[in-house]
């Protein structure tokens, strides 16, 4: 009778085959503590900061409530994205996995809140921009109108990155 002996290299091959279909949370693109997660947070921060800068560089944004709301919600988005980018950068530098379900739950709640606020602010601001500057044709200051439109476009780009990140966080929470 022939006896099978499993060597160390055979064991590693079998272990590799058994874990082939399994992906660790850290390996999922966009997870906290990954390069893609850091890139998403940086893009959120950059788009939101550029939107606020564009809106704040105008002279009369404070006369429109929707524009004030846009700046307030994007201020929250800037803070949230900056803090999470720092956490991602720290995890990458220290090579730590952020796989705690409680931490992922916190990221989900924060991402969904900021995504909802950012979408509402961008939508209301775009409605005001279209109403005042296109439909009513009261845009006598062309440079200001372009800054408002740029700010709204950047707010939507910020929302797209936040929505992507929040969907990834929900996926991670559901898979853990």
N, C-alpha and C. Protein backbone atom coordinates (compact mmCIF):
# COMPACT_ATOMS: atom_id res chain seq x y z
N UNK A 1 0.84 -1.17 0.00
CA UNK A 1 0.00 0.00 0.00
C UNK A 1 0.89 1.24 0.00
N UNK A 2 0.52 2.17 -0.83
CA UNK A 2 1.32 3.38 -0.96
C UNK A 2 0.84 4.44 0.02
N UNK A 3 1.76 5.10 0.64
CA UNK A 3 1.45 6.11 1.64
C UNK A 3 1.80 7.49 1.07
N UNK A 4 0.89 8.46 1.24
CA UNK A 4 1.11 9.82 0.75
C UNK A 4 1.74 10.66 1.84
N UNK A 5 2.79 11.34 1.47
CA UNK A 5 3.45 12.23 2.41
C UNK A 5 3.31 13.66 1.86
N UNK A 6 2.79 14.52 2.70
CA UNK A 6 2.61 15.92 2.28
C UNK A 6 3.79 16.73 2.80
N UNK A 7 4.49 17.31 1.88
CA UNK A 7 5.63 18.15 2.26
C UNK A 7 5.14 19.58 2.49
N UNK A 8 6.04 20.42 2.93
CA UNK A 8 5.70 21.81 3.21
C UNK A 8 5.22 22.56 1.98
N UNK A 9 5.88 22.32 0.83
CA UNK A 9 5.48 23.03 -0.38
C UNK A 9 4.12 22.54 -0.88
N UNK A 10 3.83 21.23 -0.70
CA UNK A 10 2.52 20.71 -1.08
C UNK A 10 1.43 21.32 -0.21
N UNK A 11 1.72 21.47 1.06
CA UNK A 11 0.75 22.06 1.98
C UNK A 11 0.44 23.50 1.58
N UNK A 12 1.48 24.25 1.21
CA UNK A 12 1.26 25.64 0.77
C UNK A 12 0.42 25.69 -0.50
N UNK A 13 0.66 24.76 -1.43
CA UNK A 13 -0.14 24.73 -2.66
C UNK A 13 -1.60 24.43 -2.36
N UNK A 14 -1.85 23.47 -1.47
CA UNK A 14 -3.23 23.16 -1.11
C UNK A 14 -3.88 24.32 -0.38
N UNK A 15 -3.15 24.96 0.48
CA UNK A 15 -3.71 26.11 1.21
C UNK A 15 -4.05 27.24 0.24
N UNK A 16 -3.19 27.42 -0.75
CA UNK A 16 -3.46 28.45 -1.76
C UNK A 16 -4.74 28.12 -2.53
N UNK A 17 -4.90 26.85 -2.91
CA UNK A 17 -6.09 26.45 -3.66
C UNK A 17 -7.36 26.55 -2.83
N UNK A 18 -7.27 26.24 -1.55
CA UNK A 18 -8.45 26.33 -0.69
C UNK A 18 -8.88 27.78 -0.46
N UNK A 19 -7.94 28.70 -0.45
CA UNK A 19 -8.24 30.11 -0.21
C UNK A 19 -8.39 30.91 -1.50
N UNK A 20 -8.45 30.23 -2.64
CA UNK A 20 -8.50 30.92 -3.92
C UNK A 20 -9.73 31.82 -4.06
N UNK A 21 -10.88 31.33 -3.65
CA UNK A 21 -12.11 32.11 -3.80
C UNK A 21 -12.32 33.13 -2.71
N UNK A 22 -11.56 33.06 -1.66
CA UNK A 22 -11.75 33.97 -0.54
C UNK A 22 -10.89 35.20 -0.71
N UNK A 23 -11.50 36.33 -0.47
CA UNK A 23 -10.75 37.59 -0.52
C UNK A 23 -10.80 38.20 0.86
N UNK A 24 -9.69 38.65 1.31
CA UNK A 24 -9.66 39.35 2.58
C UNK A 24 -10.24 40.75 2.38
N UNK A 25 -10.80 41.30 3.46
CA UNK A 25 -11.37 42.63 3.38
C UNK A 25 -10.31 43.64 2.97
N UNK A 26 -9.11 43.45 3.42
CA UNK A 26 -8.04 44.39 3.11
C UNK A 26 -7.68 44.37 1.62
N UNK A 27 -7.91 43.24 0.97
CA UNK A 27 -7.58 43.12 -0.44
C UNK A 27 -8.63 43.76 -1.36
N UNK A 28 -9.78 44.10 -0.82
CA UNK A 28 -10.84 44.67 -1.64
C UNK A 28 -10.51 46.12 -1.97
N UNK A 29 -10.55 46.50 -3.25
CA UNK A 29 -10.19 47.88 -3.64
C UNK A 29 -11.13 48.89 -2.97
N UNK A 30 -10.56 49.91 -2.38
CA UNK A 30 -11.33 50.94 -1.71
C UNK A 30 -11.54 50.71 -0.23
N UNK A 31 -11.07 49.59 0.27
CA UNK A 31 -11.18 49.31 1.70
C UNK A 31 -10.36 50.30 2.50
N UNK A 32 -10.72 50.53 3.75
CA UNK A 32 -9.88 51.39 4.59
C UNK A 32 -8.49 50.77 4.75
N UNK A 33 -7.49 51.59 4.64
CA UNK A 33 -6.13 51.12 4.79
C UNK A 33 -5.50 50.63 3.51
N UNK A 34 -6.17 50.84 2.37
CA UNK A 34 -5.60 50.46 1.08
C UNK A 34 -5.28 51.73 0.29
N UNK A 35 -4.47 51.57 -0.74
CA UNK A 35 -4.09 52.72 -1.57
C UNK A 35 -5.32 53.30 -2.27
N UNK A 36 -6.18 52.43 -2.78
CA UNK A 36 -7.39 52.92 -3.45
C UNK A 36 -8.31 53.65 -2.48
N UNK A 37 -8.40 53.17 -1.25
CA UNK A 37 -9.19 53.87 -0.24
C UNK A 37 -8.64 55.25 0.04
N UNK A 38 -7.31 55.34 0.11
CA UNK A 38 -6.67 56.64 0.33
C UNK A 38 -6.91 57.57 -0.85
N UNK A 39 -6.83 57.03 -2.07
CA UNK A 39 -7.07 57.86 -3.26
C UNK A 39 -8.50 58.38 -3.28
N UNK A 40 -9.47 57.53 -2.93
CA UNK A 40 -10.87 57.98 -2.88
C UNK A 40 -11.04 59.11 -1.86
N UNK A 41 -10.43 58.98 -0.70
CA UNK A 41 -10.55 60.02 0.34
C UNK A 41 -9.88 61.32 -0.10
N UNK A 42 -8.75 61.20 -0.75
CA UNK A 42 -8.06 62.41 -1.22
C UNK A 42 -8.89 63.10 -2.30
N UNK A 43 -9.48 62.33 -3.21
CA UNK A 43 -10.32 62.93 -4.25
C UNK A 43 -11.55 63.60 -3.65
N UNK A 44 -12.16 62.99 -2.65
CA UNK A 44 -13.29 63.62 -1.96
C UNK A 44 -12.88 64.96 -1.38
N UNK A 45 -11.75 64.95 -0.71
CA UNK A 45 -11.25 66.17 -0.08
C UNK A 45 -10.95 67.25 -1.12
N UNK A 46 -10.26 66.88 -2.19
CA UNK A 46 -9.85 67.86 -3.21
C UNK A 46 -11.06 68.46 -3.91
N UNK A 47 -12.01 67.61 -4.33
CA UNK A 47 -13.18 68.14 -5.02
C UNK A 47 -14.02 69.03 -4.11
N UNK A 48 -14.19 68.62 -2.86
CA UNK A 48 -14.98 69.43 -1.94
C UNK A 48 -14.27 70.75 -1.63
N UNK A 49 -12.97 70.71 -1.40
CA UNK A 49 -12.22 71.94 -1.11
C UNK A 49 -12.22 72.88 -2.31
N UNK A 50 -12.09 72.34 -3.52
CA UNK A 50 -12.11 73.19 -4.71
C UNK A 50 -13.49 73.80 -4.92
N UNK A 51 -14.53 73.06 -4.60
CA UNK A 51 -15.89 73.59 -4.72
C UNK A 51 -16.11 74.73 -3.74
N UNK A 52 -15.67 74.55 -2.51
CA UNK A 52 -15.80 75.61 -1.51
C UNK A 52 -14.97 76.83 -1.91
N UNK A 53 -13.78 76.60 -2.40
CA UNK A 53 -12.92 77.71 -2.81
C UNK A 53 -13.54 78.48 -3.97
N UNK A 54 -14.12 77.77 -4.92
CA UNK A 54 -14.76 78.43 -6.05
C UNK A 54 -15.97 79.24 -5.61
N UNK A 55 -16.76 78.68 -4.71
CA UNK A 55 -17.95 79.39 -4.22
C UNK A 55 -17.56 80.57 -3.34
N UNK A 56 -16.58 80.37 -2.49
CA UNK A 56 -16.18 81.44 -1.57
C UNK A 56 -15.46 82.59 -2.28
N UNK A 57 -14.98 82.35 -3.47
CA UNK A 57 -14.29 83.41 -4.20
C UNK A 57 -15.27 84.38 -4.89
N UNK A 58 -16.56 84.07 -4.83
CA UNK A 58 -17.56 84.97 -5.39
C UNK A 58 -17.96 86.01 -4.35
N UNK A 59 -18.53 87.08 -4.83
CA UNK A 59 -18.88 88.18 -3.93
C UNK A 59 -20.26 88.02 -3.29
N UNK A 60 -21.18 87.30 -3.94
CA UNK A 60 -22.57 87.31 -3.46
C UNK A 60 -23.13 85.93 -3.15
N UNK A 61 -22.29 84.94 -2.89
CA UNK A 61 -22.81 83.61 -2.63
C UNK A 61 -23.68 83.57 -1.38
N UNK A 62 -23.40 84.42 -0.39
CA UNK A 62 -24.12 84.40 0.87
C UNK A 62 -25.57 84.88 0.73
N UNK A 63 -25.92 85.43 -0.41
CA UNK A 63 -27.30 85.88 -0.64
C UNK A 63 -28.20 84.71 -1.05
N UNK A 64 -27.61 83.57 -1.36
CA UNK A 64 -28.37 82.40 -1.78
C UNK A 64 -28.24 81.32 -0.71
N UNK A 65 -29.37 80.93 -0.13
CA UNK A 65 -29.35 79.94 0.95
C UNK A 65 -28.77 78.60 0.49
N UNK A 66 -29.10 78.20 -0.73
CA UNK A 66 -28.60 76.92 -1.24
C UNK A 66 -27.08 76.92 -1.33
N UNK A 67 -26.49 78.06 -1.70
CA UNK A 67 -25.04 78.13 -1.79
C UNK A 67 -24.40 78.10 -0.40
N UNK A 68 -25.05 78.73 0.56
CA UNK A 68 -24.55 78.65 1.95
C UNK A 68 -24.62 77.22 2.47
N UNK A 69 -25.71 76.54 2.14
CA UNK A 69 -25.85 75.14 2.53
C UNK A 69 -24.79 74.27 1.86
N UNK A 70 -24.47 74.58 0.61
CA UNK A 70 -23.42 73.85 -0.10
C UNK A 70 -22.08 74.00 0.62
N UNK A 71 -21.75 75.20 1.01
CA UNK A 71 -20.49 75.42 1.71
C UNK A 71 -20.48 74.71 3.07
N UNK A 72 -21.60 74.74 3.78
CA UNK A 72 -21.66 74.08 5.09
C UNK A 72 -21.53 72.56 4.95
N UNK A 73 -22.25 71.98 4.00
CA UNK A 73 -22.17 70.52 3.85
C UNK A 73 -20.81 70.07 3.33
N UNK A 74 -20.23 70.86 2.43
CA UNK A 74 -18.90 70.49 1.93
C UNK A 74 -17.82 70.73 2.99
N UNK A 75 -18.06 71.66 3.90
CA UNK A 75 -17.13 71.83 5.03
C UNK A 75 -17.09 70.56 5.88
N UNK A 76 -18.27 69.97 6.11
CA UNK A 76 -18.33 68.70 6.82
C UNK A 76 -17.65 67.60 6.02
N UNK A 77 -17.88 67.59 4.71
CA UNK A 77 -17.25 66.60 3.83
C UNK A 77 -15.73 66.72 3.84
N UNK A 78 -15.23 67.94 3.82
CA UNK A 78 -13.78 68.17 3.86
C UNK A 78 -13.19 67.59 5.15
N UNK A 79 -13.85 67.88 6.26
CA UNK A 79 -13.35 67.40 7.55
C UNK A 79 -13.37 65.87 7.61
N UNK A 80 -14.50 65.27 7.22
CA UNK A 80 -14.64 63.81 7.25
C UNK A 80 -13.60 63.14 6.35
N UNK A 81 -13.46 63.63 5.13
CA UNK A 81 -12.54 63.01 4.19
C UNK A 81 -11.09 63.17 4.63
N UNK A 82 -10.76 64.31 5.20
CA UNK A 82 -9.39 64.55 5.66
C UNK A 82 -9.03 63.60 6.80
N UNK A 83 -9.94 63.45 7.76
CA UNK A 83 -9.67 62.56 8.89
C UNK A 83 -9.52 61.12 8.42
N UNK A 84 -10.41 60.68 7.52
CA UNK A 84 -10.30 59.30 7.04
C UNK A 84 -9.09 59.10 6.14
N UNK A 85 -8.68 60.13 5.42
CA UNK A 85 -7.45 60.02 4.63
C UNK A 85 -6.24 59.87 5.56
N UNK A 86 -6.24 60.59 6.66
CA UNK A 86 -5.15 60.43 7.64
C UNK A 86 -5.14 59.03 8.23
N UNK A 87 -6.32 58.49 8.53
CA UNK A 87 -6.41 57.13 9.06
C UNK A 87 -5.91 56.12 8.03
N UNK A 88 -6.32 56.30 6.78
CA UNK A 88 -5.84 55.40 5.71
C UNK A 88 -4.33 55.50 5.54
N UNK A 89 -3.81 56.71 5.54
CA UNK A 89 -2.36 56.89 5.39
C UNK A 89 -1.61 56.24 6.55
N UNK A 90 -2.11 56.43 7.77
CA UNK A 90 -1.49 55.81 8.94
C UNK A 90 -1.50 54.29 8.82
N UNK A 91 -2.64 53.73 8.39
CA UNK A 91 -2.75 52.28 8.25
C UNK A 91 -1.80 51.76 7.17
N UNK A 92 -1.63 52.52 6.10
CA UNK A 92 -0.70 52.11 5.05
C UNK A 92 0.74 52.17 5.52
N UNK A 93 1.10 53.23 6.23
CA UNK A 93 2.47 53.38 6.71
C UNK A 93 2.81 52.30 7.73
N UNK A 94 1.90 52.04 8.64
CA UNK A 94 2.13 51.04 9.69
C UNK A 94 1.78 49.62 9.24
N UNK A 95 1.25 49.47 8.01
CA UNK A 95 0.85 48.18 7.47
C UNK A 95 -0.15 47.48 8.38
N UNK A 96 -1.15 48.24 8.81
CA UNK A 96 -2.19 47.71 9.68
C UNK A 96 -3.47 47.52 8.87
N UNK A 97 -4.20 46.49 9.21
CA UNK A 97 -5.49 46.22 8.56
C UNK A 97 -6.60 46.84 9.39
N UNK A 98 -7.46 47.59 8.74
CA UNK A 98 -8.60 48.19 9.41
C UNK A 98 -9.83 47.32 9.15
N UNK A 99 -9.86 46.15 9.78
CA UNK A 99 -10.92 45.18 9.51
C UNK A 99 -11.89 45.03 10.66
N UNK A 100 -11.93 45.96 11.56
CA UNK A 100 -12.83 45.91 12.69
C UNK A 100 -14.25 46.25 12.21
N UNK A 101 -15.22 45.41 12.53
CA UNK A 101 -16.60 45.63 12.09
C UNK A 101 -17.18 46.91 12.68
N UNK A 102 -16.82 47.25 13.90
CA UNK A 102 -17.30 48.48 14.51
C UNK A 102 -16.75 49.70 13.78
N UNK A 103 -15.49 49.65 13.40
CA UNK A 103 -14.87 50.74 12.66
C UNK A 103 -15.50 50.88 11.27
N UNK A 104 -15.75 49.76 10.60
CA UNK A 104 -16.39 49.79 9.29
C UNK A 104 -17.81 50.35 9.42
N UNK A 105 -18.52 49.99 10.49
CA UNK A 105 -19.86 50.52 10.72
C UNK A 105 -19.84 52.04 10.88
N UNK A 106 -18.84 52.54 11.59
CA UNK A 106 -18.69 53.98 11.74
C UNK A 106 -18.42 54.65 10.39
N UNK A 107 -17.58 54.03 9.58
CA UNK A 107 -17.30 54.57 8.24
C UNK A 107 -18.57 54.57 7.38
N UNK A 108 -19.38 53.52 7.49
CA UNK A 108 -20.62 53.44 6.70
C UNK A 108 -21.56 54.57 7.07
N UNK A 109 -21.77 54.76 8.36
CA UNK A 109 -22.69 55.80 8.81
C UNK A 109 -22.17 57.18 8.40
N UNK A 110 -20.90 57.45 8.64
CA UNK A 110 -20.34 58.74 8.27
C UNK A 110 -20.37 59.00 6.78
N UNK A 111 -20.05 57.98 5.99
CA UNK A 111 -20.07 58.14 4.53
C UNK A 111 -21.48 58.39 4.02
N UNK A 112 -22.45 57.65 4.55
CA UNK A 112 -23.83 57.83 4.08
C UNK A 112 -24.37 59.20 4.48
N UNK A 113 -24.05 59.66 5.67
CA UNK A 113 -24.51 61.00 6.09
C UNK A 113 -23.89 62.07 5.20
N UNK A 114 -22.58 62.02 5.01
CA UNK A 114 -21.93 63.04 4.20
C UNK A 114 -22.34 62.93 2.73
N UNK A 115 -22.56 61.72 2.24
CA UNK A 115 -23.01 61.56 0.85
C UNK A 115 -24.40 62.15 0.66
N UNK A 116 -25.29 61.92 1.62
CA UNK A 116 -26.65 62.47 1.52
C UNK A 116 -26.63 63.99 1.59
N UNK A 117 -25.87 64.54 2.51
CA UNK A 117 -25.78 66.00 2.62
C UNK A 117 -25.15 66.63 1.39
N UNK A 118 -24.12 66.00 0.87
CA UNK A 118 -23.45 66.54 -0.31
C UNK A 118 -24.36 66.49 -1.54
N UNK A 119 -25.08 65.39 -1.71
CA UNK A 119 -26.00 65.30 -2.85
C UNK A 119 -27.12 66.33 -2.73
N UNK A 120 -27.68 66.48 -1.53
CA UNK A 120 -28.75 67.46 -1.35
C UNK A 120 -28.25 68.88 -1.61
N UNK A 121 -27.07 69.19 -1.12
CA UNK A 121 -26.52 70.54 -1.31
C UNK A 121 -26.18 70.79 -2.78
N UNK A 122 -25.58 69.82 -3.44
CA UNK A 122 -25.23 69.99 -4.85
C UNK A 122 -26.49 70.11 -5.71
N UNK A 123 -27.50 69.32 -5.40
CA UNK A 123 -28.74 69.37 -6.18
C UNK A 123 -29.47 70.70 -5.99
N UNK A 124 -29.57 71.15 -4.75
CA UNK A 124 -30.25 72.42 -4.52
C UNK A 124 -29.47 73.59 -5.12
N UNK A 125 -28.17 73.54 -5.02
CA UNK A 125 -27.35 74.61 -5.61
C UNK A 125 -27.44 74.61 -7.12
N UNK A 126 -27.49 73.44 -7.72
CA UNK A 126 -27.61 73.40 -9.18
C UNK A 126 -28.99 73.90 -9.60
N UNK A 127 -30.01 73.60 -8.82
CA UNK A 127 -31.34 74.13 -9.12
C UNK A 127 -31.39 75.64 -9.06
N UNK A 128 -30.76 76.22 -8.04
CA UNK A 128 -30.71 77.67 -7.93
C UNK A 128 -29.89 78.28 -9.06
N UNK A 129 -28.76 77.65 -9.36
CA UNK A 129 -27.91 78.17 -10.44
C UNK A 129 -28.65 78.15 -11.77
N UNK A 130 -29.37 77.08 -12.06
CA UNK A 130 -30.11 77.00 -13.31
C UNK A 130 -31.26 78.00 -13.33
N UNK A 131 -31.98 78.10 -12.21
CA UNK A 131 -33.11 79.02 -12.15
C UNK A 131 -32.68 80.46 -12.33
N UNK A 132 -31.75 80.89 -11.53
CA UNK A 132 -31.35 82.31 -11.56
C UNK A 132 -30.53 82.67 -12.80
N UNK A 133 -29.66 81.78 -13.20
CA UNK A 133 -28.69 82.18 -14.21
C UNK A 133 -29.05 81.74 -15.62
N UNK A 134 -29.90 80.75 -15.77
CA UNK A 134 -30.30 80.32 -17.12
C UNK A 134 -31.76 80.67 -17.41
N UNK A 135 -32.67 80.27 -16.49
CA UNK A 135 -34.08 80.45 -16.75
C UNK A 135 -34.53 81.90 -16.62
N UNK A 136 -34.10 82.57 -15.56
CA UNK A 136 -34.50 83.97 -15.36
C UNK A 136 -33.59 84.95 -16.07
N UNK A 137 -32.46 84.47 -16.52
CA UNK A 137 -31.50 85.28 -17.28
C UNK A 137 -31.14 86.57 -16.55
N UNK A 138 -30.82 86.44 -15.25
CA UNK A 138 -30.44 87.62 -14.48
C UNK A 138 -28.95 87.60 -14.13
N UNK A 139 -28.20 86.90 -14.92
CA UNK A 139 -26.78 86.78 -14.62
C UNK A 139 -26.02 87.86 -15.35
N UNK A 140 -25.93 89.02 -14.74
CA UNK A 140 -25.21 90.13 -15.35
C UNK A 140 -23.72 90.05 -15.08
N UNK A 141 -23.33 89.26 -14.12
CA UNK A 141 -21.91 89.14 -13.77
C UNK A 141 -21.44 87.75 -14.20
N UNK A 142 -20.94 87.68 -15.40
CA UNK A 142 -20.60 86.41 -16.04
C UNK A 142 -19.56 85.61 -15.26
N UNK A 143 -18.53 86.28 -14.76
CA UNK A 143 -17.50 85.57 -14.00
C UNK A 143 -18.05 84.90 -12.76
N UNK A 144 -18.99 85.56 -12.09
CA UNK A 144 -19.61 84.98 -10.89
C UNK A 144 -20.41 83.73 -11.27
N UNK A 145 -21.14 83.80 -12.36
CA UNK A 145 -21.97 82.66 -12.78
C UNK A 145 -21.11 81.45 -13.08
N UNK A 146 -20.01 81.65 -13.72
CA UNK A 146 -19.12 80.53 -14.03
C UNK A 146 -18.54 79.92 -12.77
N UNK A 147 -18.24 80.74 -11.77
CA UNK A 147 -17.72 80.21 -10.51
C UNK A 147 -18.79 79.41 -9.77
N UNK A 148 -20.04 79.88 -9.81
CA UNK A 148 -21.13 79.12 -9.19
C UNK A 148 -21.30 77.77 -9.88
N UNK A 149 -21.28 77.79 -11.20
CA UNK A 149 -21.45 76.54 -11.95
C UNK A 149 -20.27 75.59 -11.73
N UNK A 150 -19.07 76.12 -11.68
CA UNK A 150 -17.90 75.29 -11.40
C UNK A 150 -17.99 74.68 -10.01
N UNK A 151 -18.42 75.48 -9.05
CA UNK A 151 -18.55 74.99 -7.69
C UNK A 151 -19.57 73.85 -7.60
N UNK A 152 -20.68 74.00 -8.28
CA UNK A 152 -21.71 72.95 -8.28
C UNK A 152 -21.18 71.68 -8.96
N UNK A 153 -20.48 71.84 -10.07
CA UNK A 153 -19.91 70.68 -10.77
C UNK A 153 -18.91 69.94 -9.89
N UNK A 154 -18.07 70.69 -9.20
CA UNK A 154 -17.10 70.06 -8.30
C UNK A 154 -17.79 69.39 -7.11
N UNK A 155 -18.89 69.96 -6.66
CA UNK A 155 -19.65 69.33 -5.57
C UNK A 155 -20.22 67.99 -6.02
N UNK A 156 -20.70 67.93 -7.26
CA UNK A 156 -21.20 66.65 -7.77
C UNK A 156 -20.06 65.63 -7.92
N UNK A 157 -18.89 66.08 -8.33
CA UNK A 157 -17.74 65.16 -8.41
C UNK A 157 -17.36 64.65 -7.02
N UNK A 158 -17.43 65.53 -6.04
CA UNK A 158 -17.17 65.11 -4.67
C UNK A 158 -18.20 64.07 -4.23
N UNK A 159 -19.46 64.31 -4.59
CA UNK A 159 -20.51 63.36 -4.23
C UNK A 159 -20.28 62.00 -4.88
N UNK A 160 -19.85 61.98 -6.13
CA UNK A 160 -19.61 60.71 -6.83
C UNK A 160 -18.54 59.89 -6.10
N UNK A 161 -17.49 60.55 -5.65
CA UNK A 161 -16.44 59.82 -4.93
C UNK A 161 -16.92 59.38 -3.55
N UNK A 162 -17.74 60.20 -2.90
CA UNK A 162 -18.28 59.80 -1.59
C UNK A 162 -19.26 58.65 -1.75
N UNK A 163 -20.09 58.70 -2.78
CA UNK A 163 -21.04 57.62 -3.02
C UNK A 163 -20.31 56.31 -3.32
N UNK A 164 -19.26 56.39 -4.09
CA UNK A 164 -18.46 55.19 -4.39
C UNK A 164 -17.88 54.61 -3.10
N UNK A 165 -17.31 55.48 -2.30
CA UNK A 165 -16.72 55.03 -1.04
C UNK A 165 -17.78 54.45 -0.10
N UNK A 166 -18.95 55.08 -0.03
CA UNK A 166 -19.98 54.58 0.87
C UNK A 166 -20.53 53.23 0.41
N UNK A 167 -20.63 53.03 -0.89
CA UNK A 167 -21.08 51.72 -1.38
C UNK A 167 -20.04 50.64 -1.08
N UNK A 168 -18.78 50.97 -1.19
CA UNK A 168 -17.72 50.02 -0.84
C UNK A 168 -17.79 49.67 0.64
N UNK A 169 -18.03 50.67 1.48
CA UNK A 169 -18.11 50.42 2.93
C UNK A 169 -19.31 49.53 3.27
N UNK A 170 -20.44 49.74 2.61
CA UNK A 170 -21.61 48.88 2.85
C UNK A 170 -21.30 47.45 2.41
N UNK A 171 -20.64 47.31 1.27
CA UNK A 171 -20.24 45.98 0.78
C UNK A 171 -19.33 45.29 1.79
N UNK A 172 -18.37 46.05 2.32
CA UNK A 172 -17.45 45.46 3.31
C UNK A 172 -18.17 45.06 4.58
N UNK A 173 -19.10 45.89 5.02
CA UNK A 173 -19.85 45.57 6.24
C UNK A 173 -20.71 44.33 6.03
N UNK A 174 -21.31 44.22 4.86
CA UNK A 174 -22.16 43.06 4.58
C UNK A 174 -21.34 41.79 4.44
N UNK A 175 -20.12 41.90 3.93
CA UNK A 175 -19.30 40.71 3.72
C UNK A 175 -18.52 40.28 4.96
N UNK A 176 -18.49 41.12 5.97
CA UNK A 176 -17.72 40.74 7.18
C UNK A 176 -18.55 39.98 8.18
